[in-house]
Amino acid sequence: MLRITAILHTFGLKVADRARARLTDAPERGNVTIEHVLWAVAVIAIVGAVVAVIRGFVTAEAARIG
C-alpha cells in the first residue's frame, strides 16, 4: 500500500511540476494543464478511497478469523 501511495505522490508532483513549467512558458495553454492536474487529483482521491475500503474490509475479515 505504501508503494502505491508513493507512486501516486510522485506522479502528482511530476504533474504539478509540468503544470508549473507550462504555465510560465505559455500562459494561454494553462487551461489544459489545470484540467490534467484536476484529473490527476481526482484519480488520486478515488484510489485513496478504494485503498481505504479494501484496507477496512481486510482488517474486518482478519479480525473475524482471529
Protein backbone atom coordinates (compact mmCIF):
# COMPACT_ATOMS: atom_id res chain seq x y z
CA MET A 1 0.00 0.00 0.00
CA LEU A 2 2.84 2.36 0.84
CA ARG A 3 4.37 1.79 -2.59
CA ILE A 4 1.11 2.76 -4.33
CA THR A 5 0.88 5.90 -2.21
CA ALA A 6 4.49 6.81 -3.02
CA ILE A 7 3.93 6.26 -6.74
CA LEU A 8 0.78 8.39 -6.75
CA HIS A 9 2.50 11.12 -4.75
CA THR A 10 5.43 11.16 -7.18
CA PHE A 11 3.01 11.25 -10.11
CA GLY A 12 1.21 14.20 -8.55
CA LEU A 13 4.48 16.06 -8.05
CA LYS A 14 5.53 15.43 -11.63
CA VAL A 15 2.18 16.68 -12.92
CA ALA A 16 2.43 19.78 -10.74
CA ASP A 17 5.97 20.50 -11.97
CA ARG A 18 4.92 20.08 -15.58
CA ALA A 19 1.92 22.33 -14.98
CA ARG A 20 4.11 24.99 -13.40
CA ALA A 21 6.60 24.81 -16.28
CA ARG A 22 3.89 25.07 -18.93
CA LEU A 23 2.12 27.92 -17.18
CA THR A 24 5.28 30.00 -17.01
CA ASP A 25 6.19 29.29 -20.65
CA ALA A 26 2.81 29.76 -22.32
CA PRO A 27 0.08 31.24 -20.10
CA GLU A 28 -2.65 30.76 -22.73
CA ARG A 29 -2.17 26.99 -22.59
CA GLY A 30 -2.82 26.80 -18.84
CA ASN A 31 -6.40 25.59 -19.06
CA VAL A 32 -5.44 22.20 -20.45
CA THR A 33 -2.71 21.79 -17.84
CA ILE A 34 -5.03 22.71 -15.00
CA GLU A 35 -7.54 20.20 -16.32
CA HIS A 36 -4.87 17.49 -16.25
CA VAL A 37 -3.92 18.41 -12.70
CA LEU A 38 -7.55 18.23 -11.62
CA TRP A 39 -7.94 14.82 -13.26
CA ALA A 40 -4.78 13.61 -11.50
CA VAL A 41 -6.11 14.84 -8.15
CA ALA A 42 -9.44 13.12 -8.81
CA VAL A 43 -7.73 9.83 -9.68
CA ILE A 44 -5.56 10.04 -6.56
CA ALA A 45 -8.66 10.67 -4.42
CA ILE A 46 -10.52 7.73 -5.96
CA VAL A 47 -7.55 5.41 -5.50
CA GLY A 48 -7.22 6.56 -1.89
CA ALA A 49 -10.88 5.82 -1.25
CA VAL A 50 -10.60 2.37 -2.82
CA VAL A 51 -7.49 1.60 -0.75
CA ALA A 52 -9.29 2.69 2.43
CA VAL A 53 -12.29 0.47 1.64
CA ILE A 54 -10.11 -2.54 0.84
CA ARG A 55 -8.00 -2.00 3.95
CA GLY A 56 -11.13 -1.80 6.09
CA PHE A 57 -12.54 -4.96 4.57
CA VAL A 58 -9.30 -6.91 5.02
CA THR A 59 -8.96 -5.70 8.62
CA ALA A 60 -12.53 -6.73 9.42
CA GLU A 61 -12.04 -10.17 7.87
CA ALA A 62 -8.74 -10.66 9.69
CA ALA A 63 -10.42 -9.81 12.99
CA ARG A 64 -13.14 -12.35 12.25
CA ILE A 65 -10.56 -15.07 11.61
CA GLY A 66 -8.50 -14.41 14.75
